[in-house]
Structures are given as C-alpha cells and as structure tokens.
Amino acid sequence: MRRSIWFLILAMVLSSWAGCGEWGGSLPEHVLARVNEEFVPVEEFDREFKESILGLERTEREDNVEELKQAYLEQVIERKVLAQEARRLGIQVSPGELDQVIGEISQDYPNGGFNERLGLKGTTLEEWKRRLEEELLAEKMIRHARRFQGKVEEKEALQYYEANLQTYQIKQRVRARQIVVADGQEALEILKRLRKGEKFERIAMEKSMGPERVNGGDLGFFSPGERPPEFDQVFSMEIGTISEVIKSPYGYHIFKLEEKIEPREIPFEEAKTEILQELGRKKAEETYQRWLKELREKAKVRINKKLLRS
C-alpha cells in the first residue's frame, strides 16, 4: 500500500545521496546501518526486505538481489530521516490514528489471517507496528514540508499561458450515435425505418453490432482524427440529422449527430485560476525537493557494506 511511495521518493532524491554525511567508528556486528542515532538491525532489515520483494518474479529477485537490497536500504534510511525530523518538530501519530490504519489493513486478512501472515514472515506485531508508525510519521512530514507558503504572481501565470498557448486551444468536438451492421442491404432497410421516424436509440440497441449499442449507439464526444476516417463525416452534419449509409472496414454505419462544440481558444481569464494552482504546486515541489536534499545531506549515516552483500 505504501511501498510505492518510498520508491517514488527514492527516484526523486537518489542523485543527492552521494554527499550524505558519514562519521567514523565501526558498527556492531548485528547492525546494518546507523541513521543519526538510530540503528537498523540486519535481521529486521532482512525481514522487511524479503517482504518488499514478494511481488517480484523469482528471476528478478535472484538476478538483482544486491541492487535491490541497496535500493531498499536507501528507502529505509530516507524513511528514518523523515520520521526523525517529524519527531524533532513535534509531529506525532496518535494511538487512534495508528489503530485506524491497522484496522483498515486487517480487513484484508479476515479470520485472523493478518497475524498468521506476520508470523509466516517472521515479523512480530510490535515490530510491524513500529515500522508502520515510522511510515505514517514520514508521510506526515512529507505533507508538512510540501506546503508552499509563497504566492504566485499573476504575471507569472500570464507568462506561462503565453508560452503554452497550444494547451489552451480546444478542438472541434462532436457527440454522435451510430448503428453499425455487417450487411449493406440491412443498413439501407434501417435507414428507411429511421427516416420514417423510428427512434435511433431503440434501433441501435436492437440491431447495431457495436459495443456502444447498450447506450443506444452513443459514441460520446470525439475530435477530428480520433476515430476512423469514415467517422469524420459527422463534423459537417447539422445537429439532429442522420447520415447516409457509410461503408468502412468495420461494416456499414449510420450516424446521428447529437451535439457539436466549435473550436475555440480558452482566454487567459478563464484559465488563470488553474494556472495559478499548477504553478503553486510546482513551486511547492521545488521547495520540498530543496528541503529534502538539505535534510538528507545533514543526516549522519553509516552502512556496514559487508552485511549488505551477504
């Protein structure tokens, strides 16, 4: 559930790890790494690592085990750095929050299956709860650090708008229905029925072989070039009119035009709010990444590489 979050964090900040702080002194034999004043016992790491690769193919696990271990250790270090900073700032995970998340996870393992699964992995409930609390703390720290307190000026939004005008061009779009059959003579008979006033939707549900028949032949909205070339005839039709029979590699089609939206350019005033929000998100992400890089570089980390290779 949360493992993907840590792979995403790793991908974004991996380039900043080369300069991480380290300090001298050997680690105890049972300790894989030290993150500031916190130890990562090798047995605990191994249990967590094995759990993390359960979804991988056997060959992928066996061929890349050292690289996978290194990547996962980096995730663990990152998680601990974030959780430690959260505690320093007084950010907490309440017992109620922890119990709620545990309850949500336990629902996927009815009839005591959750505790049994933990046992099979060799992880105690207390160890698992400590890790879960750490993950929740790190997530809270990420949300806290991502908050952007600055302001995006309107002139920045206008510059963005002018540099990305193509984004604000709306193509012509139509909403149409179709009846498609395999036989041309049958299509002509259907067209006669339609011209006598029978409901297009009812005949589509009765006769059409297209998957949209269940919706009365409704194809939804589409723009020029998004459908086979034979469909483009609908763009020249008037709303409410019915086409002639049109042959394509897929059969014989009859179209009815329901709605038409003409092409237009979205003016800046209409797009401004969305642009301001998007630029605010980008600035928040940039601020967060700078903060995270500085936090990671200040962390004192030591790794027992011999244990990592074993």
Protein backbone atom coordinates (compact mmCIF):
# COMPACT_ATOMS: atom_id res chain seq x y z
CA MET A 1 0.00 0.00 0.00
CA ARG A 2 2.68 2.46 0.96
CA ARG A 3 5.74 0.82 -0.57
CA SER A 4 5.28 2.66 -3.87
CA ILE A 5 5.53 6.00 -2.04
CA TRP A 6 9.06 5.14 -0.93
CA PHE A 7 10.17 4.04 -4.40
CA LEU A 8 8.88 7.40 -5.69
CA ILE A 9 10.81 9.31 -3.03
CA LEU A 10 13.93 7.32 -3.84
CA ALA A 11 13.67 8.10 -7.54
CA MET A 12 13.34 11.84 -6.87
CA VAL A 13 16.21 12.24 -4.44
CA LEU A 14 18.69 9.49 -5.28
CA SER A 15 21.02 11.92 -7.02
CA SER A 16 21.56 13.80 -3.76
CA TRP A 17 22.78 10.78 -1.81
CA ALA A 18 26.40 10.85 -2.88
CA GLY A 19 27.14 13.63 -0.42
CA CYS A 20 25.37 12.18 2.59
CA GLY A 21 27.08 12.67 5.91
CA GLU A 22 29.03 9.80 7.41
CA TRP A 23 31.05 9.56 10.57
CA GLY A 24 33.69 7.21 11.81
CA GLY A 25 33.54 4.28 14.17
CA SER A 26 32.62 0.69 13.46
CA LEU A 27 29.10 -0.64 13.76
CA PRO A 28 28.12 -3.60 15.93
CA GLU A 29 28.13 -6.89 14.01
CA HIS A 30 24.32 -7.18 14.03
CA VAL A 31 23.75 -3.61 12.76
CA LEU A 32 23.46 -2.96 9.03
CA ALA A 33 23.26 0.84 9.24
CA ARG A 34 23.12 3.77 11.58
CA VAL A 35 20.96 6.79 10.77
CA ASN A 36 21.94 9.63 13.10
CA GLU A 37 21.48 7.92 16.49
CA GLU A 38 19.18 5.14 15.27
CA PHE A 39 20.33 1.63 14.37
CA VAL A 40 18.99 -0.61 11.58
CA PRO A 41 19.48 -4.23 12.78
CA VAL A 42 20.37 -6.55 9.91
CA GLU A 43 17.80 -9.22 10.85
CA GLU A 44 14.99 -6.67 10.96
CA PHE A 45 16.09 -5.20 7.64
CA ASP A 46 16.25 -8.65 6.03
CA ARG A 47 12.68 -9.44 7.10
CA GLU A 48 11.42 -6.15 5.76
CA PHE A 49 13.39 -6.52 2.53
CA LYS A 50 12.02 -10.01 1.86
CA GLU A 51 8.52 -8.67 2.35
CA SER A 52 9.20 -5.84 -0.11
CA ILE A 53 10.20 -8.16 -2.98
CA LEU A 54 7.40 -10.71 -2.61
CA GLY A 55 5.66 -9.39 -5.71
CA LEU A 56 8.72 -9.69 -7.96
CA GLU A 57 9.37 -12.57 -10.31
CA ARG A 58 11.80 -15.17 -8.94
CA THR A 59 14.44 -14.48 -11.62
CA GLU A 60 14.23 -10.74 -10.98
CA ARG A 61 14.75 -11.29 -7.26
CA GLU A 62 17.70 -13.64 -7.73
CA ASP A 63 19.46 -11.72 -10.51
CA ASN A 64 19.33 -8.32 -8.82
CA VAL A 65 19.34 -9.09 -5.12
CA GLU A 66 22.33 -6.86 -4.22
CA GLU A 67 20.97 -3.90 -6.20
CA LEU A 68 17.53 -4.43 -4.71
CA LYS A 69 18.97 -4.55 -1.21
CA GLN A 70 20.91 -1.34 -1.77
CA ALA A 71 17.82 0.41 -3.14
CA TYR A 72 15.63 -0.77 -0.30
CA LEU A 73 18.17 0.22 2.35
CA GLU A 74 18.20 3.70 0.86
CA GLN A 75 14.40 3.77 1.21
CA VAL A 76 14.67 2.74 4.86
CA ILE A 77 17.29 5.43 5.55
CA GLU A 78 15.14 8.06 3.84
CA ARG A 79 12.10 6.99 5.84
CA LYS A 80 14.00 7.19 9.12
CA VAL A 81 15.44 10.61 8.31
CA LEU A 82 11.94 11.94 7.60
CA ALA A 83 10.44 10.32 10.71
CA GLN A 84 13.25 11.66 12.90
CA GLU A 85 12.68 15.18 11.58
CA ALA A 86 8.95 14.81 12.22
CA ARG A 87 9.60 13.88 15.84
CA ARG A 88 12.01 16.80 16.21
CA LEU A 89 9.26 19.17 15.05
CA GLY A 90 6.72 17.62 17.41
CA ILE A 91 4.71 15.89 14.70
CA GLN A 92 3.08 12.76 16.11
CA VAL A 93 0.98 9.77 15.14
CA SER A 94 -1.69 9.30 17.77
CA PRO A 95 -2.67 5.83 19.05
CA GLY A 96 -6.09 6.39 17.46
CA GLU A 97 -4.57 7.12 14.04
CA LEU A 98 -2.37 4.05 14.26
CA ASP A 99 -5.28 1.81 15.33
CA GLN A 100 -7.42 3.12 12.46
CA VAL A 101 -4.79 2.27 9.84
CA ILE A 102 -4.15 -1.15 11.41
CA GLY A 103 -7.89 -1.81 11.32
CA GLU A 104 -8.07 -0.87 7.62
CA ILE A 105 -5.16 -3.16 6.76
CA SER A 106 -6.50 -6.02 8.90
CA GLN A 107 -9.77 -6.00 6.92
CA ASP A 108 -7.85 -7.52 4.00
CA TYR A 109 -6.96 -10.53 6.20
CA PRO A 110 -10.17 -11.89 7.77
CA ASN A 111 -10.39 -14.70 10.34
CA GLY A 112 -7.05 -13.99 11.97
CA GLY A 113 -5.15 -14.18 8.70
CA PHE A 114 -3.26 -10.96 9.41
CA ASN A 115 -1.44 -12.26 12.49
CA GLU A 116 -0.79 -15.53 10.71
CA ARG A 117 0.76 -13.68 7.75
CA LEU A 118 3.04 -11.72 10.06
CA GLY A 119 4.15 -14.96 11.66
CA LEU A 120 4.97 -16.52 8.31
CA LYS A 121 7.19 -13.55 7.54
CA GLY A 122 8.95 -13.79 10.89
CA THR A 123 7.84 -10.29 11.88
CA THR A 124 6.36 -9.65 15.30
CA LEU A 125 3.28 -7.47 15.63
CA GLU A 126 5.21 -4.92 17.69
CA GLU A 127 8.00 -4.68 15.11
CA TRP A 128 5.46 -4.23 12.34
CA LYS A 129 3.58 -1.54 14.32
CA ARG A 130 6.83 0.38 14.92
CA ARG A 131 7.56 0.32 11.21
CA LEU A 132 4.01 1.40 10.36
CA GLU A 133 4.20 4.30 12.81
CA GLU A 134 7.50 5.33 11.24
CA GLU A 135 5.94 5.26 7.76
CA LEU A 136 2.98 7.34 8.93
CA LEU A 137 5.31 9.86 10.56
CA ALA A 138 7.37 10.14 7.38
CA GLU A 139 4.21 10.67 5.32
CA LYS A 140 3.08 13.41 7.70
CA MET A 141 6.49 15.02 7.43
CA ILE A 142 6.28 14.96 3.63
CA ARG A 143 2.84 16.60 3.67
CA HIS A 144 4.08 19.21 6.14
CA ALA A 145 7.16 20.01 4.09
CA ARG A 146 5.27 20.19 0.79
CA ARG A 147 3.12 23.12 1.92
CA PHE A 148 4.04 26.14 -0.17
CA GLN A 149 3.67 29.38 1.76
CA GLY A 150 4.62 31.73 -1.06
CA LYS A 151 2.46 33.45 -3.66
CA VAL A 152 2.37 33.05 -7.43
CA GLU A 153 2.09 36.42 -9.16
CA GLU A 154 -0.46 36.91 -11.94
CA LYS A 155 2.30 37.99 -14.34
CA GLU A 156 3.93 34.56 -13.86
CA ALA A 157 0.64 32.92 -14.79
CA LEU A 158 0.34 35.12 -17.89
CA GLN A 159 3.88 34.25 -18.98
CA TYR A 160 3.07 30.55 -18.57
CA TYR A 161 -0.16 30.97 -20.54
CA GLU A 162 1.57 32.72 -23.43
CA ALA A 163 4.35 30.12 -23.53
CA ASN A 164 1.83 27.26 -23.63
CA LEU A 165 -0.93 28.65 -25.84
CA GLN A 166 -1.36 25.33 -27.65
CA THR A 167 -2.57 23.84 -24.38
CA TYR A 168 -5.48 26.27 -24.35
CA GLN A 169 -6.76 25.52 -27.86
CA ILE A 170 -9.98 23.49 -27.77
CA LYS A 171 -10.53 21.37 -30.87
CA GLN A 172 -13.87 20.93 -32.52
CA ARG A 173 -15.76 18.10 -30.82
CA VAL A 174 -18.96 16.27 -31.59
CA ARG A 175 -21.14 13.77 -29.80
CA ALA A 176 -22.72 11.25 -32.12
CA ARG A 177 -24.57 7.96 -32.17
CA GLN A 178 -24.05 5.14 -34.62
CA ILE A 179 -25.72 1.99 -35.85
CA VAL A 180 -23.23 -0.40 -37.48
CA VAL A 181 -24.19 -3.66 -39.17
CA ALA A 182 -22.32 -6.17 -41.32
CA ASP A 183 -24.69 -6.14 -44.32
CA GLY A 184 -25.21 -3.15 -46.62
CA GLN A 185 -28.80 -4.09 -47.52
CA GLU A 186 -29.71 -4.34 -43.85
CA ALA A 187 -28.22 -0.88 -43.29
CA LEU A 188 -30.42 0.56 -46.08
CA GLU A 189 -33.51 -1.01 -44.51
CA ILE A 190 -32.58 0.52 -41.14
CA LEU A 191 -32.10 3.92 -42.76
CA LYS A 192 -35.64 3.72 -44.20
CA ARG A 193 -37.02 2.98 -40.73
CA LEU A 194 -35.15 5.96 -39.28
CA ARG A 195 -36.47 8.30 -41.97
CA LYS A 196 -40.00 7.18 -41.13
CA GLY A 197 -39.40 8.44 -37.61
CA GLU A 198 -38.37 5.40 -35.60
CA LYS A 199 -36.12 6.13 -32.63
CA PHE A 200 -32.39 5.92 -33.43
CA GLU A 201 -31.54 4.76 -29.92
CA ARG A 202 -34.06 1.90 -29.98
CA ILE A 203 -32.91 0.59 -33.35
CA ALA A 204 -29.25 0.86 -32.26
CA MET A 205 -29.97 -1.31 -29.22
CA GLU A 206 -31.88 -3.75 -31.44
CA LYS A 207 -29.63 -4.00 -34.49
CA SER A 208 -26.17 -2.48 -34.01
CA MET A 209 -23.18 -4.78 -33.51
CA GLY A 210 -21.01 -2.08 -31.90
CA PRO A 211 -20.29 -2.23 -28.14
CA GLU A 212 -21.99 1.17 -27.71
CA ARG A 213 -25.33 -0.44 -28.65
CA VAL A 214 -26.14 -0.79 -24.93
CA ASN A 215 -26.15 3.02 -24.73
CA GLY A 216 -28.32 3.47 -27.77
CA GLY A 217 -25.30 3.76 -30.06
CA ASP A 218 -23.84 6.74 -28.13
CA LEU A 219 -20.17 7.19 -29.12
CA GLY A 220 -19.57 10.07 -26.71
CA PHE A 221 -17.51 13.11 -27.68
CA PHE A 222 -14.60 12.94 -30.13
CA SER A 223 -12.48 15.30 -32.24
CA PRO A 224 -11.30 15.03 -35.86
CA GLY A 225 -8.73 12.26 -36.29
CA GLU A 226 -9.65 10.42 -33.09
CA ARG A 227 -11.87 7.92 -34.90
CA PRO A 228 -11.53 6.09 -38.25
CA PRO A 229 -11.72 8.46 -41.28
CA GLU A 230 -15.27 7.36 -42.14
CA PHE A 231 -16.47 8.93 -38.87
CA ASP A 232 -15.28 12.41 -39.90
CA GLN A 233 -18.40 12.97 -41.98
CA VAL A 234 -20.30 13.81 -38.79
CA PHE A 235 -18.33 17.05 -38.41
CA SER A 236 -20.10 18.51 -41.45
CA MET A 237 -23.57 17.41 -40.32
CA GLU A 238 -26.22 19.51 -38.60
CA ILE A 239 -27.30 18.67 -35.07
CA GLY A 240 -30.15 16.17 -35.06
CA THR A 241 -29.58 14.96 -38.63
CA ILE A 242 -28.92 11.38 -39.74
CA SER A 243 -26.24 10.40 -42.25
CA GLU A 244 -26.46 8.19 -45.32
CA VAL A 245 -25.09 4.64 -45.06
CA ILE A 246 -21.29 4.84 -44.87
CA LYS A 247 -19.12 1.81 -45.61
CA SER A 248 -15.91 1.18 -43.63
CA PRO A 249 -13.64 -1.83 -42.97
CA TYR A 250 -15.77 -2.42 -39.85
CA GLY A 251 -19.17 -2.61 -41.58
CA TYR A 252 -21.96 -0.25 -42.67
CA HIS A 253 -22.56 2.79 -40.48
CA ILE A 254 -25.39 5.24 -39.93
CA PHE A 255 -24.64 8.26 -37.75
CA LYS A 256 -26.79 10.73 -35.89
CA LEU A 257 -25.24 13.99 -34.67
CA GLU A 258 -26.32 14.88 -31.12
CA GLU A 259 -24.06 17.79 -30.10
CA LYS A 260 -21.34 19.94 -31.63
CA ILE A 261 -18.72 22.07 -29.86
CA GLU A 262 -16.91 24.51 -32.11
CA PRO A 263 -13.13 25.07 -31.72
CA ARG A 264 -12.05 27.98 -29.57
CA GLU A 265 -9.18 29.38 -27.55
CA ILE A 266 -9.56 29.45 -23.78
CA PRO A 267 -8.91 33.09 -22.73
CA PHE A 268 -6.37 33.81 -20.02
CA GLU A 269 -9.01 34.97 -17.52
CA GLU A 270 -10.76 31.62 -17.83
CA ALA A 271 -7.53 29.64 -17.44
CA LYS A 272 -5.90 31.85 -14.79
CA THR A 273 -7.13 30.08 -11.64
CA GLU A 274 -6.00 26.67 -12.86
CA ILE A 275 -2.60 28.05 -13.95
CA LEU A 276 -2.03 29.74 -10.58
CA GLN A 277 -2.81 26.45 -8.82
CA GLU A 278 -0.49 24.48 -11.10
CA LEU A 279 2.40 26.94 -10.65
CA GLY A 280 1.79 26.87 -6.89
CA ARG A 281 2.09 23.06 -6.92
CA LYS A 282 5.32 23.27 -8.92
CA LYS A 283 6.84 25.81 -6.54
CA ALA A 284 5.79 23.69 -3.58
CA GLU A 285 7.51 20.66 -5.13
CA GLU A 286 10.69 22.62 -5.87
CA THR A 287 10.76 23.96 -2.30
CA TYR A 288 10.18 20.47 -0.93
CA GLN A 289 12.95 18.92 -3.00
CA ARG A 290 15.46 21.56 -1.84
CA TRP A 291 14.43 20.99 1.77
CA LEU A 292 14.66 17.21 1.41
CA LYS A 293 18.11 17.39 -0.18
CA GLU A 294 19.39 19.59 2.66
CA LEU A 295 17.85 17.30 5.29
CA ARG A 296 19.42 14.24 3.70
CA GLU A 297 22.83 15.84 3.38
CA LYS A 298 22.83 16.79 7.07
CA ALA A 299 21.98 13.25 8.18
CA LYS A 300 24.83 11.19 9.60
CA VAL A 301 24.66 7.76 8.01
CA ARG A 302 26.99 4.79 8.27
CA ILE A 303 26.47 1.48 6.46
CA ASN A 304 28.04 -1.92 7.09
CA LYS A 305 28.51 -2.79 3.43
CA LYS A 306 29.80 -6.26 4.23
CA LEU A 307 26.39 -7.18 5.70
CA LEU A 308 24.62 -5.64 2.72
CA ARG A 309 26.47 -8.01 0.36
CA SER A 310 25.87 -11.13 2.43
